């Protein structure tokens, strides 16, 4: 499309609100087509048009629409293409610098993936790859980690865990162990990111994590209790992550004096450790 027609088409033919609604179509092919059209729109949209899309929480609305349908590799790869600016298959390697160097809008493009997670349990391989993708992004780019957390990452993970524990037959034991391990690693990554960052919003995340872990700990679901057992101890557990961060803070007392935030983080770490240890005392 010639540049002189872009403004006319965007103002009279293509409306992002309509495209978001169309993503709710039951046909997978239609969903893919709409996402590809939305990606093309973002490629030609002005800075003001992109800002308007972010201002109305367009990506959260998109995630909500995707949540109404079963997750699929095709839709996930469409979202990856939005974020990276090129087609990336789930089995392809990508460099973490691609995430870091992407502009803010492209970083936001990955957040609708959260709408696919819980409804991807029918395909353990797809969900495992999605978890690996999220883990790599959280560990490689703190800005993307913040965006994912602001978009409900913690709740998506815990809802998926609860749903996983309610499945009786469709997930094999090996797949169950794999996905439970993925969820554990993601919760550990969220804990480390939140406890090593300054700002009141991270305290809220830690508090949410404490509440959620407390709920999981008190659940009567035997399968859930078996799943969260690895959270209790060991260097690769949430408890181990908290102890590790606390030990690093103790080794470098100077930042604790200069930055009062870190003192509060230490208190929150003790709270998390206390909640995790409740199960072992019952």
Protein backbone atom coordinates (compact mmCIF):
# COMPACT_ATOMS: atom_id res chain seq x y z
CA UNK A 1 0.00 0.00 0.00
CA UNK A 2 1.45 3.43 -0.96
CA UNK A 3 2.33 5.70 1.95
CA UNK A 4 -0.15 8.39 0.88
CA UNK A 5 -3.01 5.91 1.36
CA UNK A 6 -2.03 4.78 4.85
CA UNK A 7 -3.75 7.57 6.74
CA UNK A 8 -6.97 7.20 4.73
CA UNK A 9 -7.09 3.41 5.20
CA UNK A 10 -6.33 3.58 8.91
CA UNK A 11 -8.95 6.27 9.53
CA UNK A 12 -11.77 4.83 7.40
CA UNK A 13 -11.23 1.09 6.87
CA UNK A 14 -9.06 -0.49 9.57
CA UNK A 15 -10.08 -0.04 13.20
CA UNK A 16 -8.04 -1.77 15.89
CA UNK A 17 -11.12 -2.12 18.12
CA UNK A 18 -12.81 -4.17 15.41
CA UNK A 19 -9.70 -6.30 14.86
CA UNK A 20 -9.50 -7.10 18.57
CA UNK A 21 -13.13 -8.25 18.54
CA UNK A 22 -12.53 -10.35 15.41
CA UNK A 23 -9.77 -12.28 17.20
CA UNK A 24 -12.61 -13.89 19.14
CA UNK A 25 -13.65 -15.75 15.98
CA UNK A 26 -13.88 -19.54 16.50
CA UNK A 27 -11.83 -20.27 13.36
CA UNK A 28 -8.09 -20.61 13.96
CA UNK A 29 -7.42 -19.42 10.40
CA UNK A 30 -9.43 -16.25 10.99
CA UNK A 31 -7.58 -15.61 14.25
CA UNK A 32 -4.25 -15.94 12.44
CA UNK A 33 -5.40 -13.66 9.63
CA UNK A 34 -6.58 -10.98 12.03
CA UNK A 35 -3.32 -11.10 13.99
CA UNK A 36 -1.30 -10.83 10.78
CA UNK A 37 -3.40 -7.83 9.73
CA UNK A 38 -2.91 -6.27 13.15
CA UNK A 39 0.85 -6.82 12.82
CA UNK A 40 0.81 -5.12 9.41
CA UNK A 41 -1.10 -2.23 10.97
CA UNK A 42 1.51 -1.84 13.71
CA UNK A 43 4.25 -1.85 11.06
CA UNK A 44 2.74 1.17 9.29
CA UNK A 45 1.05 2.94 12.22
CA UNK A 46 2.31 6.30 13.45
CA UNK A 47 3.72 6.88 16.91
CA UNK A 48 0.47 8.56 17.94
CA UNK A 49 -1.61 5.61 16.74
CA UNK A 50 0.56 3.16 18.65
CA UNK A 51 0.34 5.27 21.79
CA UNK A 52 -3.43 5.36 21.44
CA UNK A 53 -3.49 1.55 21.23
CA UNK A 54 -1.41 1.26 24.41
CA UNK A 55 -3.50 3.90 26.18
CA UNK A 56 -6.66 1.83 25.74
CA UNK A 57 -4.84 -1.31 26.98
CA UNK A 58 -5.10 -2.88 23.55
CA UNK A 59 -2.77 -5.78 24.31
CA UNK A 60 -4.67 -6.67 27.49
CA UNK A 61 -7.92 -6.67 25.49
CA UNK A 62 -6.25 -8.88 22.91
CA UNK A 63 -5.10 -11.30 25.62
CA UNK A 64 -8.65 -11.45 27.00
CA UNK A 65 -9.99 -12.42 23.58
CA UNK A 66 -7.34 -15.10 23.10
CA UNK A 67 -8.13 -16.50 26.56
CA UNK A 68 -11.56 -17.53 25.26
CA UNK A 69 -10.01 -20.04 22.85
CA UNK A 70 -7.68 -23.01 22.95
CA UNK A 71 -4.04 -22.04 22.64
CA UNK A 72 -2.27 -22.92 19.40
CA UNK A 73 1.25 -22.79 18.03
CA UNK A 74 0.08 -20.76 15.03
CA UNK A 75 -1.39 -17.98 17.17
CA UNK A 76 1.63 -17.96 19.47
CA UNK A 77 3.98 -17.60 16.50
CA UNK A 78 1.88 -14.69 15.21
CA UNK A 79 2.45 -12.93 18.55
CA UNK A 80 6.16 -13.67 18.37
CA UNK A 81 6.28 -12.15 14.90
CA UNK A 82 4.61 -9.02 16.28
CA UNK A 83 7.22 -8.75 19.01
CA UNK A 84 10.36 -9.60 17.03
CA UNK A 85 9.39 -8.08 13.71
CA UNK A 86 10.10 -11.34 11.87
CA UNK A 87 8.72 -14.87 11.82
CA UNK A 88 10.08 -17.05 14.61
CA UNK A 89 9.06 -20.66 15.05
CA UNK A 90 8.79 -22.09 18.54
CA UNK A 91 11.67 -24.45 17.78
CA UNK A 92 13.93 -21.69 16.47
CA UNK A 93 16.71 -20.03 18.42
CA UNK A 94 16.66 -16.29 18.98
CA UNK A 95 19.24 -14.03 20.55
CA UNK A 96 18.35 -12.27 23.80
CA UNK A 97 19.68 -9.01 22.34
CA UNK A 98 16.66 -9.06 20.00
CA UNK A 99 14.47 -8.70 23.07
CA UNK A 100 16.57 -6.01 24.69
CA UNK A 101 16.95 -3.91 21.54
CA UNK A 102 13.25 -3.98 20.59
CA UNK A 103 11.36 -0.73 21.11
CA UNK A 104 8.82 -0.39 23.92
CA UNK A 105 5.83 -1.07 21.69
CA UNK A 106 7.38 -4.28 20.32
CA UNK A 107 8.07 -5.40 23.89
CA UNK A 108 4.40 -4.95 24.77
CA UNK A 109 3.46 -7.17 21.82
CA UNK A 110 4.54 -10.29 23.72
CA UNK A 111 2.14 -9.79 26.66
CA UNK A 112 -0.96 -11.34 24.95
CA UNK A 113 0.87 -14.68 25.21
CA UNK A 114 -0.45 -14.75 28.78
CA UNK A 115 -3.94 -15.27 27.36
CA UNK A 116 -2.84 -18.53 25.75
CA UNK A 117 -1.08 -20.24 28.64
CA UNK A 118 -3.87 -21.79 30.69
CA UNK A 119 -5.73 -22.99 27.60
CA UNK A 120 -2.65 -24.66 26.13
CA UNK A 121 -2.68 -27.53 28.62
CA UNK A 122 -4.07 -29.81 25.92
CA UNK A 123 -0.65 -29.63 24.22
CA UNK A 124 2.17 -30.17 26.74
CA UNK A 125 4.87 -29.47 24.14
CA UNK A 126 3.29 -26.13 23.20
CA UNK A 127 2.91 -25.11 26.83
CA UNK A 128 6.46 -26.17 27.70
CA UNK A 129 7.83 -24.10 24.80
CA UNK A 130 5.70 -21.15 25.91
CA UNK A 131 7.07 -21.44 29.45
CA UNK A 132 10.65 -21.60 28.14
CA UNK A 133 10.02 -18.49 26.05
CA UNK A 134 8.64 -16.56 29.02
CA UNK A 135 11.49 -17.70 31.28
CA UNK A 136 14.09 -16.57 28.75
CA UNK A 137 12.43 -13.19 28.40
CA UNK A 138 12.12 -12.64 32.15
CA UNK A 139 15.76 -13.53 32.73
CA UNK A 140 17.12 -11.52 29.79
CA UNK A 141 15.14 -8.27 29.95
CA UNK A 142 13.85 -6.73 33.18
CA UNK A 143 11.61 -4.33 31.23
CA UNK A 144 9.76 -7.21 29.56
CA UNK A 145 9.54 -8.94 32.96
CA UNK A 146 7.85 -5.82 34.36
CA UNK A 147 5.42 -5.70 31.43
CA UNK A 148 4.49 -9.35 31.86
CA UNK A 149 3.96 -8.90 35.59
CA UNK A 150 1.84 -5.79 35.01
CA UNK A 151 -0.22 -7.83 32.55
CA UNK A 152 -0.97 -10.61 35.05
CA UNK A 153 1.88 -13.10 34.64
CA UNK A 154 1.71 -14.26 38.26
CA UNK A 155 -2.01 -14.98 38.11
CA UNK A 156 -1.73 -16.72 34.74
CA UNK A 157 0.93 -19.04 36.16
CA UNK A 158 -1.04 -19.87 39.29
CA UNK A 159 -4.30 -20.40 37.37
CA UNK A 160 -2.40 -22.76 35.07
CA UNK A 161 -1.00 -24.63 38.06
CA UNK A 162 -4.46 -25.01 39.59
CA UNK A 163 -5.89 -26.18 36.26
CA UNK A 164 -3.01 -28.61 35.76
CA UNK A 165 -3.71 -30.16 39.13
CA UNK A 166 -7.39 -30.63 38.23
CA UNK A 167 -6.64 -32.58 35.05
CA UNK A 168 -7.17 -36.29 35.51
CA UNK A 169 -6.14 -38.10 32.34
CA UNK A 170 -5.11 -35.84 29.44
CA UNK A 171 -1.61 -35.14 30.80
CA UNK A 172 0.84 -38.00 31.30
CA UNK A 173 2.96 -38.26 34.45
CA UNK A 174 6.12 -37.24 32.58
CA UNK A 175 4.35 -34.23 31.05
CA UNK A 176 2.93 -33.34 34.44
CA UNK A 177 6.37 -33.33 36.05
CA UNK A 178 7.82 -31.30 33.18
CA UNK A 179 5.13 -28.61 33.33
CA UNK A 180 5.20 -28.45 37.13
CA UNK A 181 8.98 -27.94 36.95
CA UNK A 182 8.51 -25.17 34.36
CA UNK A 183 6.02 -23.42 36.61
CA UNK A 184 8.39 -23.69 39.55
CA UNK A 185 11.23 -22.12 37.57
CA UNK A 186 9.00 -19.26 36.45
CA UNK A 187 7.84 -18.56 39.99
CA UNK A 188 11.47 -18.55 41.10
CA UNK A 189 12.33 -16.09 38.32
CA UNK A 190 9.46 -13.81 39.38
CA UNK A 191 10.64 -13.98 43.01
CA UNK A 192 14.23 -13.11 42.16
CA UNK A 193 13.22 -10.30 39.79
CA UNK A 194 10.83 -8.74 42.31
CA UNK A 195 13.17 -9.02 45.28
CA UNK A 196 16.16 -7.58 43.41
CA UNK A 197 14.33 -4.51 42.05
CA UNK A 198 13.47 -1.24 43.75
CA UNK A 199 9.97 0.19 43.83
CA UNK A 200 6.69 -0.20 45.70
CA UNK A 201 5.17 -2.16 42.80
CA UNK A 202 7.60 -5.00 43.49
CA UNK A 203 6.45 -5.18 47.10
CA UNK A 204 2.91 -5.68 45.85
CA UNK A 205 4.10 -8.51 43.63
CA UNK A 206 5.88 -10.13 46.57
CA UNK A 207 2.77 -9.72 48.70
CA UNK A 208 0.64 -11.30 45.96
CA UNK A 209 3.11 -14.17 45.77
CA UNK A 210 2.87 -14.67 49.53
CA UNK A 211 -0.93 -14.77 49.41
CA UNK A 212 -1.01 -17.17 46.46
CA UNK A 213 1.56 -19.51 47.98
CA UNK A 214 -0.39 -19.46 51.22
CA UNK A 215 -3.56 -20.44 49.37
CA UNK A 216 -1.80 -23.24 47.50
CA UNK A 217 -0.30 -24.41 50.77
CA UNK A 218 -3.73 -24.65 52.43
CA UNK A 219 -5.39 -26.41 49.49
CA UNK A 220 -6.88 -29.85 50.18
CA UNK A 221 -6.03 -30.99 46.65
CA UNK A 222 -3.57 -33.87 47.13
CA UNK A 223 -2.20 -33.51 43.61
CA UNK A 224 -1.56 -29.82 44.25
CA UNK A 225 0.19 -30.59 47.53
CA UNK A 226 2.50 -33.03 45.73
CA UNK A 227 3.18 -30.40 43.07
CA UNK A 228 4.19 -27.64 45.45
CA UNK A 229 6.30 -29.95 47.62
CA UNK A 230 9.49 -29.03 45.66
CA UNK A 231 8.90 -25.40 46.69
CA UNK A 232 9.79 -26.29 50.26
CA UNK A 233 13.52 -26.93 50.05
CA UNK A 234 16.61 -27.25 47.95
CA UNK A 235 18.80 -24.77 46.05
CA UNK A 236 16.43 -24.72 43.05
CA UNK A 237 13.30 -23.95 45.11
CA UNK A 238 11.59 -20.66 45.93
CA UNK A 239 12.89 -21.00 49.46
CA UNK A 240 16.39 -21.53 48.07
CA UNK A 241 16.03 -18.45 45.87
CA UNK A 242 15.03 -16.34 48.88
CA UNK A 243 17.94 -17.63 50.95
CA UNK A 244 20.33 -16.93 48.08
CA UNK A 245 19.15 -13.31 47.70
CA UNK A 246 19.28 -12.77 51.47
CA UNK A 247 22.85 -14.08 51.61
CA UNK A 248 23.94 -11.73 48.81
CA UNK A 249 22.39 -8.78 50.63
CA UNK A 250 24.18 -9.76 53.85
CA UNK A 251 27.53 -9.95 52.05
CA UNK A 252 27.17 -6.36 50.80
CA UNK A 253 25.83 -4.24 53.68
CA UNK A 254 26.59 -0.89 52.04
CA UNK A 255 23.55 -0.89 49.68
CA UNK A 256 21.34 -1.69 52.67
CA UNK A 257 22.46 1.56 54.31
CA UNK A 258 22.12 3.66 51.18
CA UNK A 259 18.88 2.16 49.92
CA UNK A 260 16.12 1.59 52.44
CA UNK A 261 14.18 -0.39 49.86
CA UNK A 262 16.52 -3.34 50.19
CA UNK A 263 15.85 -3.51 53.91
CA UNK A 264 12.16 -3.92 53.21
CA UNK A 265 12.92 -6.55 50.58
CA UNK A 266 14.78 -8.59 53.20
CA UNK A 267 11.68 -8.50 55.38
CA UNK A 268 9.53 -9.68 52.50
CA UNK A 269 11.97 -12.48 51.79
CA UNK A 270 11.57 -13.68 55.36
CA UNK A 271 7.79 -13.59 54.89
CA UNK A 272 7.98 -15.69 51.73
CA UNK A 273 10.28 -18.19 53.44
CA UNK A 274 7.86 -18.42 56.37
CA UNK A 275 4.88 -19.11 54.10
CA UNK A 276 6.76 -21.76 52.12
CA UNK A 277 7.86 -23.47 55.34
CA UNK A 278 4.28 -23.73 56.68
CA UNK A 279 3.62 -26.89 54.72
CA UNK A 280 6.59 -28.64 56.21
CA UNK A 281 5.35 -27.93 59.74
CA UNK A 282 1.87 -29.35 59.15
